[in-house]
Protein backbone atom coordinates (compact mmCIF):
# COMPACT_ATOMS: atom_id res chain seq x y z
CA UNK A 1 11.08 20.94 -35.10
CA UNK A 2 7.57 21.66 -34.31
CA UNK A 3 4.58 20.06 -35.37
CA UNK A 4 2.48 23.15 -35.31
CA UNK A 5 1.77 23.17 -31.58
CA UNK A 6 3.01 26.52 -30.04
CA UNK A 7 5.66 25.82 -27.44
CA UNK A 8 7.54 27.98 -24.92
CA UNK A 9 11.42 27.27 -24.29
CA UNK A 10 14.70 28.42 -22.84
CA UNK A 11 18.29 27.83 -23.40
CA UNK A 12 20.02 26.25 -20.70
CA UNK A 13 23.91 26.48 -20.16
CA UNK A 14 25.76 23.95 -18.47
CA UNK A 15 29.56 24.69 -17.85
CA UNK A 16 31.95 22.13 -17.04
CA UNK A 17 35.54 23.04 -15.20
CA UNK A 18 38.47 21.22 -14.29
CA UNK A 19 39.28 20.90 -10.76
CA UNK A 20 41.75 23.39 -9.90
CA UNK A 21 45.36 22.69 -9.88
CA UNK A 22 47.88 23.73 -7.14
CA UNK A 23 48.67 27.03 -8.92
CA UNK A 24 45.10 27.75 -9.94
CA UNK A 25 45.69 27.25 -13.56
CA UNK A 26 42.55 25.72 -15.24
CA UNK A 27 43.26 26.61 -18.91
CA UNK A 28 41.96 23.85 -21.19
CA UNK A 29 39.94 22.53 -18.63
CA UNK A 30 36.61 24.10 -19.65
CA UNK A 31 33.40 22.92 -21.49
CA UNK A 32 30.12 24.86 -22.10
CA UNK A 33 27.23 22.85 -23.32
CA UNK A 34 23.91 24.72 -24.57
CA UNK A 35 20.63 22.75 -24.33
CA UNK A 36 17.44 24.33 -25.84
CA UNK A 37 14.46 23.19 -23.80
CA UNK A 38 10.75 23.19 -24.75
CA UNK A 39 9.10 23.05 -21.43
CA UNK A 40 5.65 23.11 -22.77
CA UNK A 41 6.20 20.25 -25.26
CA UNK A 42 6.70 17.07 -23.21
CA UNK A 43 8.79 15.35 -20.60
CA UNK A 44 11.62 14.37 -23.22
CA UNK A 45 12.38 18.12 -24.06
CA UNK A 46 13.76 19.28 -20.96
CA UNK A 47 16.91 18.18 -18.85
CA UNK A 48 16.06 16.15 -15.82
CA UNK A 49 18.59 16.35 -12.94
CA UNK A 50 20.25 12.91 -13.35
CA UNK A 51 21.52 13.96 -16.78
CA UNK A 52 23.89 16.74 -15.47
CA UNK A 53 25.17 14.06 -12.66
CA UNK A 54 26.07 11.59 -15.34
CA UNK A 55 27.67 14.35 -17.71
CA UNK A 56 29.69 15.55 -14.43
CA UNK A 57 30.83 11.86 -14.02
CA UNK A 58 31.84 11.88 -17.72
CA UNK A 59 33.70 14.99 -17.36
CA UNK A 60 35.99 13.61 -14.68
CA UNK A 61 36.72 10.68 -16.98
CA UNK A 62 37.15 12.88 -20.10
CA UNK A 63 40.50 11.70 -20.97
CA UNK A 64 39.48 8.18 -21.36
CA UNK A 65 36.60 9.08 -23.79
CA UNK A 66 38.56 9.86 -26.77
CA UNK A 67 37.71 7.27 -29.63
CA UNK A 68 35.30 5.04 -27.47
CA UNK A 69 31.84 4.05 -29.23
CA UNK A 70 29.50 5.51 -27.03
CA UNK A 71 25.84 4.78 -26.98
CA UNK A 72 23.31 6.68 -25.13
CA UNK A 73 19.68 5.18 -24.53
CA UNK A 74 16.64 7.23 -23.85
CA UNK A 75 18.51 10.38 -24.11
CA UNK A 76 15.91 13.16 -24.14
CA UNK A 77 18.09 16.51 -24.58
CA UNK A 78 21.28 14.24 -24.80
CA UNK A 79 23.41 16.34 -22.52
CA UNK A 80 25.71 13.41 -21.22
CA UNK A 81 26.28 11.96 -25.05
CA UNK A 82 27.04 15.37 -26.32
CA UNK A 83 29.72 15.86 -23.64
CA UNK A 84 31.19 12.49 -24.57
CA UNK A 85 31.24 13.78 -28.35
CA UNK A 86 32.71 16.97 -27.39
CA UNK A 87 35.48 15.12 -25.49
CA UNK A 88 36.33 12.82 -28.64
CA UNK A 89 34.10 9.84 -28.12
CA UNK A 90 32.18 8.36 -31.10
CA UNK A 91 28.50 8.91 -29.98
CA UNK A 92 25.46 7.49 -31.07
CA UNK A 93 22.23 9.13 -29.35
CA UNK A 94 18.85 7.16 -29.13
CA UNK A 95 15.53 7.90 -28.31
CA UNK A 96 12.16 6.23 -28.77
CA UNK A 97 11.54 5.51 -32.49
CA UNK A 98 7.82 6.47 -31.67
CA UNK A 99 8.71 10.18 -30.94
CA UNK A 100 10.01 11.66 -34.09
CA UNK A 101 9.58 15.15 -32.60
CA UNK A 102 11.82 14.37 -29.70
CA UNK A 103 14.53 13.01 -32.33
CA UNK A 104 14.30 16.24 -34.30
CA UNK A 105 14.70 18.18 -31.13
CA UNK A 106 17.61 16.16 -30.35
CA UNK A 107 19.11 17.26 -33.57
CA UNK A 108 18.58 20.85 -32.54
CA UNK A 109 20.42 20.02 -29.19
CA UNK A 110 23.49 18.70 -31.30
CA UNK A 111 23.65 21.64 -33.56
CA UNK A 112 23.37 24.06 -30.70
CA UNK A 113 26.77 22.48 -29.73
CA UNK A 114 28.19 22.67 -33.25
CA UNK A 115 27.70 19.04 -33.74
CA UNK A 116 26.40 18.09 -36.99
CA UNK A 117 23.89 15.12 -37.03
CA UNK A 118 24.96 12.29 -39.43
CA UNK A 119 28.61 13.44 -39.31
CA UNK A 120 29.92 14.59 -35.67
CA UNK A 121 27.14 12.51 -33.85
CA UNK A 122 24.80 10.06 -34.79
CA UNK A 123 20.82 9.98 -33.84
CA UNK A 124 18.70 7.03 -34.07
CA UNK A 125 15.07 6.09 -33.06
CA UNK A 126 15.17 2.84 -30.81
CA UNK A 127 12.56 0.55 -29.31
CA UNK A 128 13.66 -0.85 -25.89
CA UNK A 129 13.57 -4.68 -26.04
CA UNK A 130 12.78 -4.63 -29.74
CA UNK A 131 16.01 -5.82 -31.81
CA UNK A 132 15.48 -4.68 -35.33
CA UNK A 133 18.33 -4.38 -37.78
CA UNK A 134 19.33 -0.86 -37.07
CA UNK A 135 20.21 -2.09 -33.42
CA UNK A 136 22.42 -4.81 -34.51
CA UNK A 137 24.33 -2.46 -36.45
CA UNK A 138 25.27 -0.46 -33.20
CA UNK A 139 27.22 -3.19 -31.82
CA UNK A 140 29.71 -3.28 -30.48
CA UNK A 141 29.90 -0.44 -28.24
CA UNK A 142 32.64 0.50 -25.47
CA UNK A 143 30.29 2.59 -23.19
CA UNK A 144 26.34 2.55 -22.72
CA UNK A 145 24.55 5.70 -20.91
CA UNK A 146 21.35 6.28 -19.66
CA UNK A 147 19.96 9.07 -17.27
CA UNK A 148 16.43 8.64 -15.88
CA UNK A 149 15.47 5.94 -18.11
CA UNK A 150 14.06 3.88 -14.86
CA UNK A 151 10.93 6.12 -14.72
CA UNK A 152 7.92 3.80 -15.37
CA UNK A 153 8.52 0.29 -13.82
CA UNK A 154 6.69 -1.30 -16.54
CA UNK A 155 9.56 -0.52 -18.69
CA UNK A 156 12.35 -1.61 -16.43
CA UNK A 157 12.88 -4.89 -17.87
CA UNK A 158 12.76 -3.35 -21.38
CA UNK A 159 15.65 -1.10 -20.58
CA UNK A 160 17.51 -3.95 -18.63
CA UNK A 161 17.14 -6.28 -21.64
CA UNK A 162 18.50 -3.81 -24.19
CA UNK A 163 21.56 -3.13 -21.92
CA UNK A 164 22.07 -6.82 -21.55
CA UNK A 165 21.97 -7.19 -25.37
CA UNK A 166 24.65 -4.55 -25.96
CA UNK A 167 26.89 -5.76 -23.10
CA UNK A 168 26.57 -9.40 -23.80
CA UNK A 169 30.11 -11.01 -25.06
CA UNK A 170 31.99 -7.66 -24.88
CA UNK A 171 33.92 -5.60 -22.29
CA UNK A 172 31.58 -2.70 -22.44
CA UNK A 173 29.93 -1.07 -19.40
CA UNK A 174 26.96 0.62 -18.57
CA UNK A 175 26.85 4.03 -16.79
CA UNK A 176 23.30 4.94 -15.49
CA UNK A 177 22.11 7.67 -13.16
CA UNK A 178 18.44 7.93 -12.08
CA UNK A 179 16.28 9.14 -9.16
CA UNK A 180 14.97 6.79 -6.84
CA UNK A 181 11.34 7.70 -6.79
CA UNK A 182 10.06 4.77 -4.66
CA UNK A 183 11.52 2.42 -2.14
CA UNK A 184 9.60 -0.23 -3.71
CA UNK A 185 11.09 0.15 -7.26
CA UNK A 186 14.30 -1.56 -7.68
CA UNK A 187 16.25 -3.05 -10.74
CA UNK A 188 18.47 -5.60 -8.63
CA UNK A 189 16.32 -8.36 -9.50
CA UNK A 190 16.34 -7.92 -13.00
CA UNK A 191 19.97 -7.20 -13.16
CA UNK A 192 20.26 -10.63 -11.68
CA UNK A 193 17.65 -12.13 -14.17
CA UNK A 194 19.89 -10.98 -17.09
CA UNK A 195 23.04 -11.82 -15.80
CA UNK A 196 24.53 -8.46 -14.98
CA UNK A 197 26.19 -6.69 -11.91
CA UNK A 198 25.90 -3.19 -10.79
CA UNK A 199 28.02 -1.25 -8.32
CA UNK A 200 26.95 2.27 -6.74
CA UNK A 201 29.11 5.38 -7.45
CA UNK A 202 29.19 7.61 -4.46
CA UNK A 203 28.30 11.19 -4.87
CA UNK A 204 30.94 12.07 -2.24
CA UNK A 205 33.48 10.76 -4.29
CA UNK A 206 32.22 12.37 -7.65
CA UNK A 207 32.20 15.65 -5.72
CA UNK A 208 35.69 15.31 -4.63
CA UNK A 209 36.93 14.34 -8.22
CA UNK A 210 35.04 17.13 -9.90
CA UNK A 211 35.59 19.97 -7.43
CA UNK A 212 32.00 20.54 -7.48
CA UNK A 213 29.36 19.83 -4.71
CA UNK A 214 26.80 17.37 -5.89
CA UNK A 215 23.87 19.49 -5.37
CA UNK A 216 25.43 22.21 -7.52
CA UNK A 217 25.97 19.72 -10.46
CA UNK A 218 22.25 19.73 -11.78
CA UNK A 219 22.25 23.58 -11.95
CA UNK A 220 22.48 25.44 -15.10
CA UNK A 221 22.51 29.05 -16.15
CA UNK A 222 19.22 30.04 -18.00
CA UNK A 223 19.98 32.13 -21.03
CA UNK A 224 17.50 33.67 -23.61
CA UNK A 225 19.45 34.32 -26.80
CA UNK A 226 17.95 35.91 -30.11
CA UNK A 227 16.90 32.48 -31.36
CA UNK A 228 13.83 30.50 -31.72
CA UNK A 229 14.26 29.57 -27.78
CA UNK A 230 13.98 33.37 -26.89
CA UNK A 231 11.24 34.33 -24.31
CA UNK A 232 10.16 37.46 -26.29
CA UNK A 233 6.81 35.70 -27.31
CA UNK A 234 6.14 34.64 -23.82
CA UNK A 235 3.94 36.04 -21.34
CA UNK A 236 4.83 36.56 -17.70
CA UNK A 237 2.60 33.83 -17.05
CA UNK A 238 4.38 31.57 -19.17
CA UNK A 239 7.81 32.21 -17.84
CA UNK A 240 6.49 31.58 -14.25
CA UNK A 241 4.67 28.56 -15.10
CA UNK A 242 7.86 27.32 -17.02
CA UNK A 243 9.91 28.27 -13.86
CA UNK A 244 7.41 26.19 -11.64
CA UNK A 245 7.43 23.20 -13.97
CA UNK A 246 11.29 23.28 -13.60
CA UNK A 247 11.32 23.60 -9.75
CA UNK A 248 8.89 20.56 -9.49
CA UNK A 249 11.50 18.23 -10.69
CA UNK A 250 13.22 18.73 -7.40
CA UNK A 251 10.33 18.19 -5.30
CA UNK A 252 9.07 14.87 -6.61
CA UNK A 253 10.73 12.86 -3.99
CA UNK A 254 8.91 14.96 -1.29
CA UNK A 255 5.54 14.80 -2.60
CA UNK A 256 3.16 12.17 -2.33
CA UNK A 257 1.14 10.41 -5.13
CA UNK A 258 -1.93 12.61 -4.95
CA UNK A 259 0.00 15.87 -4.96
CA UNK A 260 2.08 14.48 -7.78
CA UNK A 261 -1.24 13.79 -9.84
CA UNK A 262 -2.72 17.03 -9.05
CA UNK A 263 0.21 18.75 -10.46
CA UNK A 264 0.49 16.38 -13.36
CA UNK A 265 -3.19 16.95 -14.33
CA UNK A 266 -2.58 21.00 -14.33
CA UNK A 267 0.60 20.51 -16.17
CA UNK A 268 -1.05 18.53 -18.93
CA UNK A 269 -4.06 21.21 -19.07
CA UNK A 270 -1.52 24.07 -18.88
CA UNK A 271 0.57 22.68 -22.00
CA UNK A 272 -1.96 20.63 -24.11
CA UNK A 273 -5.48 21.89 -23.19
CA UNK A 274 -8.34 19.56 -22.61
CA UNK A 275 -7.63 15.76 -22.11
CA UNK A 276 -7.45 14.75 -25.87
CA UNK A 277 -6.37 10.92 -25.25
CA UNK A 278 -8.31 7.67 -24.76
CA UNK A 279 -8.47 6.58 -21.08
CA UNK A 280 -5.78 3.67 -20.34
CA UNK A 281 -6.65 -0.04 -19.83
CA UNK A 282 -7.57 -0.93 -16.39
CA UNK A 283 -4.46 -3.00 -16.28
CA UNK A 284 -2.51 0.22 -16.39
CA UNK A 285 -3.19 1.69 -12.99
CA UNK A 286 -0.48 4.27 -12.88
CA UNK A 287 -1.85 5.46 -16.45
CA UNK A 288 -5.34 5.56 -15.41
CA UNK A 289 -4.72 7.71 -12.31
CA UNK A 290 -2.74 10.12 -14.40
CA UNK A 291 -5.34 10.40 -17.13
CA UNK A 292 -8.21 10.88 -14.41
CA UNK A 293 -6.29 13.69 -13.13
CA UNK A 294 -5.94 15.47 -16.25
CA UNK A 295 -9.37 14.50 -17.64
CA UNK A 296 -11.22 15.86 -14.34
CA UNK A 297 -10.09 19.37 -15.28
CA UNK A 298 -12.59 19.36 -18.20
CA UNK A 299 -12.81 22.53 -20.17
CA UNK A 300 -10.52 24.58 -17.77
CA UNK A 301 -8.78 27.33 -19.98
CA UNK A 302 -5.24 26.91 -20.20
CA UNK A 303 -4.46 30.04 -18.39
CA UNK A 304 -6.23 29.05 -15.60
CA UNK A 305 -4.58 25.69 -15.41
CA UNK A 306 -1.20 27.43 -15.43
CA UNK A 307 -2.13 29.94 -12.74
CA UNK A 308 -3.34 27.14 -10.46
CA UNK A 309 -0.30 25.02 -11.25
CA UNK A 310 1.87 27.87 -10.08
CA UNK A 311 -0.05 28.32 -6.89
CA UNK A 312 0.02 24.57 -6.23
CA UNK A 313 3.94 24.67 -6.42
CA UNK A 314 4.07 27.63 -4.13
CA UNK A 315 1.72 25.76 -1.75
CA UNK A 316 4.02 22.60 -1.59
CA UNK A 317 7.15 24.79 -1.38
CA UNK A 318 6.42 28.21 0.09
CA UNK A 319 9.77 29.34 -0.08
CA UNK A 320 9.99 28.68 -3.94
CA UNK A 321 9.01 32.08 -5.10
CA UNK A 322 11.34 34.16 -3.14
CA UNK A 323 14.18 31.72 -4.08
CA UNK A 324 13.34 31.99 -7.70
CA UNK A 325 13.54 35.63 -7.74
CA UNK A 326 16.92 35.81 -6.01
CA UNK A 327 18.56 33.29 -8.35
CA UNK A 328 16.99 34.80 -11.49
CA UNK A 329 18.62 38.30 -10.60
CA UNK A 330 21.65 36.92 -9.79
CA UNK A 331 21.79 35.30 -13.33
CA UNK A 332 20.77 38.59 -14.85
CA UNK A 333 17.59 37.38 -16.38
CA UNK A 334 14.47 39.31 -15.57
CA UNK A 335 11.30 37.35 -14.63
CA UNK A 336 7.93 38.80 -14.13
CA UNK A 337 6.04 37.23 -11.17
CA UNK A 338 2.62 37.67 -10.77
CA UNK A 339 1.06 38.85 -7.41
CA UNK A 340 -1.56 36.22 -6.43
CA UNK A 341 -4.01 35.59 -3.52
CA UNK A 342 -3.34 32.45 -1.38
CA UNK A 343 -5.31 29.37 -2.65
CA UNK A 344 -8.61 29.28 -0.72
CA UNK A 345 -8.91 26.53 1.79
CA UNK A 346 -11.60 24.02 1.15
CA UNK A 347 -14.94 24.77 2.92
CA UNK A 348 -15.80 21.23 4.27
CA UNK A 349 -19.50 22.04 4.83
CA UNK A 350 -19.95 22.98 1.11
CA UNK A 351 -18.47 19.69 -0.25
CA UNK A 352 -20.49 17.29 -2.03
CA UNK A 353 -20.33 13.59 -1.38
CA UNK A 354 -17.99 12.80 -3.80
CA UNK A 355 -15.55 15.73 -3.18
CA UNK A 356 -15.80 14.89 0.69
CA UNK A 357 -14.96 11.12 -0.17
CA UNK A 358 -11.82 12.36 -2.23
CA UNK A 359 -10.77 14.87 0.63
CA UNK A 360 -11.10 12.23 3.23
CA UNK A 361 -13.58 14.24 5.04
CA UNK A 362 -15.39 11.45 6.90
CA UNK A 363 -17.68 13.62 9.02
CA UNK A 364 -18.85 15.42 5.99
CA UNK A 365 -19.58 12.10 4.29
CA UNK A 366 -21.44 10.77 7.39
CA UNK A 367 -23.50 14.10 7.51
CA UNK A 368 -24.59 14.01 3.74
CA UNK A 369 -25.70 10.28 4.08
CA UNK A 370 -27.70 11.10 7.37
CA UNK A 371 -29.46 14.15 5.66
CA UNK A 372 -30.29 12.21 2.55
CA UNK A 373 -29.61 8.22 2.23
CA UNK A 374 -30.17 8.44 -1.50
CA UNK A 375 -26.92 9.84 -1.91
CA UNK A 376 -25.34 6.55 -1.59
CA UNK A 377 -26.29 5.65 -5.11
CA UNK A 378 -24.45 8.97 -6.34
CA UNK A 379 -21.95 8.48 -9.17
CA UNK A 380 -19.72 10.71 -11.15
CA UNK A 381 -19.50 10.51 -15.07
CA UNK A 382 -17.24 7.38 -14.85
CA UNK A 383 -19.59 5.43 -12.52
CA UNK A 384 -17.51 6.17 -9.61
CA UNK A 385 -19.32 6.17 -6.02
CA UNK A 386 -18.04 7.45 -2.90
CA UNK A 387 -16.43 4.15 -2.03
CA UNK A 388 -14.68 4.05 -5.23
CA UNK A 389 -13.34 7.60 -4.79
CA UNK A 390 -12.28 6.94 -0.97
CA UNK A 391 -10.65 3.64 -1.82
CA UNK A 392 -8.69 5.33 -4.87
CA UNK A 393 -7.48 7.98 -2.49
CA UNK A 394 -7.02 5.84 0.69
CA UNK A 395 -9.47 8.08 2.31
CA UNK A 396 -10.01 5.66 5.38
CA UNK A 397 -12.25 7.97 7.24
CA UNK A 398 -14.58 8.76 4.37
CA UNK A 399 -14.34 5.14 3.44
CA UNK A 400 -15.75 4.04 6.81
CA UNK A 401 -18.14 6.69 7.12
CA UNK A 402 -19.56 5.66 3.34
CA UNK A 403 -19.82 1.74 4.35
CA UNK A 404 -21.57 3.20 7.66
CA UNK A 405 -23.78 5.32 5.86
CA UNK A 406 -25.06 2.47 3.50
CA UNK A 407 -23.29 2.87 0.31
CA UNK A 408 -23.32 -0.38 -1.89
CA UNK A 409 -20.33 -2.07 -1.07
CA UNK A 410 -19.97 -3.86 -4.38
CA UNK A 411 -21.15 -1.06 -6.55
CA UNK A 412 -19.10 -1.22 -9.95
CA UNK A 413 -18.07 1.53 -12.16
CA UNK A 414 -18.42 1.65 -16.02
CA UNK A 415 -15.65 -0.91 -16.43
CA UNK A 416 -17.28 -3.38 -13.67
CA UNK A 417 -14.72 -2.41 -10.90
CA UNK A 418 -15.62 -2.20 -7.28
CA UNK A 419 -13.76 -0.17 -4.43
CA UNK A 420 -11.93 -3.30 -3.72
CA UNK A 421 -10.40 -3.24 -7.10
CA UNK A 422 -9.54 0.26 -6.71
CA UNK A 423 -7.82 -0.40 -3.14
CA UNK A 424 -5.91 -3.22 -4.38
CA UNK A 425 -4.58 -1.84 -7.64
CA UNK A 426 -3.60 1.36 -6.02
CA UNK A 427 -1.75 -0.42 -3.15
CA UNK A 428 -3.88 0.83 -0.29
CA UNK A 429 -3.29 -1.94 2.55
CA UNK A 430 -5.63 -0.13 5.03
CA UNK A 431 -8.38 0.74 2.55
CA UNK A 432 -8.13 -3.07 1.31
CA UNK A 433 -8.60 -4.36 4.81
CA UNK A 434 -11.50 -1.96 5.74
CA UNK A 435 -13.44 -3.21 2.68
CA UNK A 436 -12.61 -6.83 3.22
CA UNK A 437 -13.73 -6.40 6.83
CA UNK A 438 -17.04 -4.84 5.46
CA UNK A 439 -17.78 -7.94 3.43
CA UNK A 440 -16.80 -6.88 0.06
CA UNK A 441 -16.84 -9.55 -2.76
CA UNK A 442 -14.36 -10.73 -5.16
CA UNK A 443 -16.11 -9.86 -8.34
CA UNK A 444 -14.65 -10.09 -11.79
CA UNK A 445 -14.37 -6.59 -13.84
CA UNK A 446 -15.09 -6.29 -17.53
CA UNK A 447 -11.78 -7.51 -18.40
CA UNK A 448 -12.49 -10.65 -16.19
CA UNK A 449 -10.00 -9.50 -13.48
CA UNK A 450 -10.48 -9.83 -9.82
CA UNK A 451 -8.83 -7.46 -7.08
CA UNK A 452 -6.15 -10.17 -6.62
CA UNK A 453 -5.25 -10.11 -10.33
CA UNK A 454 -4.92 -6.17 -10.05
CA UNK A 455 -2.96 -6.06 -6.89
CA UNK A 456 0.67 -5.06 -7.61
CA UNK A 457 1.68 -5.09 -3.53
CA UNK A 458 2.76 -8.63 -2.41
CA UNK A 459 1.33 -7.90 1.00
CA UNK A 460 -2.06 -6.80 -0.37
CA UNK A 461 -2.01 -10.07 -2.46
CA UNK A 462 -1.44 -12.05 0.51
CA UNK A 463 -4.27 -10.34 2.43
CA UNK A 464 -6.61 -10.82 -0.49
CA UNK A 465 -5.75 -14.53 -1.08
CA UNK A 466 -5.99 -15.21 2.71
CA UNK A 467 -9.52 -13.61 2.65
CA UNK A 468 -10.80 -15.82 -0.22
CA UNK A 469 -9.76 -19.07 1.70
């Protein structure tokens, strides 16, 4: 199950109980599912909150599952599909064909619940939107499942097209649970495009039918048995880091993009070390920003990255540490917590020009440019100027100060992109307007793309197209 890289893990236990009857007898209405998680291995190796919600819904419908042909897409640890199999369904679990290690871990999740892959349950590598011979053999199905498959907007249509293929000409249904991470992300238009209709299942009705409050459904009991997933080889830092990573999943809707990127970079550095992947192309704006967040950490030691990650989680949610200690003590799991001093505040009068631009310290940017006008030419290793960084972060005070301080408006980075490219591709309306008002040009980058080509926000496109006229 390992490709040689060290991982740390834990075993989560999800307990499903039937709603109490009048006399309190719930015999036969109990199911326990164990999910081994490898928190340091990647996002497909632990259970996201949407999966338990979907599993609970299936549990309320368990008497209808027996004999159904069930297919789960992008299943990660496979909690909903495993529950369906334990309730008598004929289940096939699928995940990316490009992630053989994830598929091997999925087998371990099945085996942890006494399901033999190839006999009690099927596991298959799948590529969304690509219909190969193996995919045809999966039809027909009665029920499609997916939890948190709508994570990357660029893949939404690939998921929907795959769903449409399996539903076409059948009476099958698609059950999906996912976290709404942005009000701008929607699958409604794609459902209409592919001739599908959807309906929402109210969480309150799910709570009523299950007898469990919705906010408790995603909770699991941590267990550390004598197995490959024991914490015997973990340091206190590893355990604290893994707990912090688990808690971040509950915070994603409350954090802005910059905070999430900072956490992402430290998580990758803490689990994989120095950035070891090529920089994404400029059309992949999201991937580029994530790569930059990781790559910017350079040779930072893994232990230091984990320490900083934990401190950052505590900063974003000051109550987390105490809550964690309380919960873990109630579950009879001992956790060592390191005492750390608070994260130091930035000393603004010591920031460099590029750092001041990143942090939106307009006064510091203006001060530095007054003291040394030559700083307007300063760049980082990727050719980014203060204007690039301010536009990337939507740091409007720093952006105005940099423009007034004489920074070159149409300076390009190593990929031929200007600050206007950055503002447009990042969806920053205010920064886009500031740059246009200052007279920014519509240059083409090395991929022959103008800022209009890279704009993903409709309002920004209108602003840019209006400025070109």
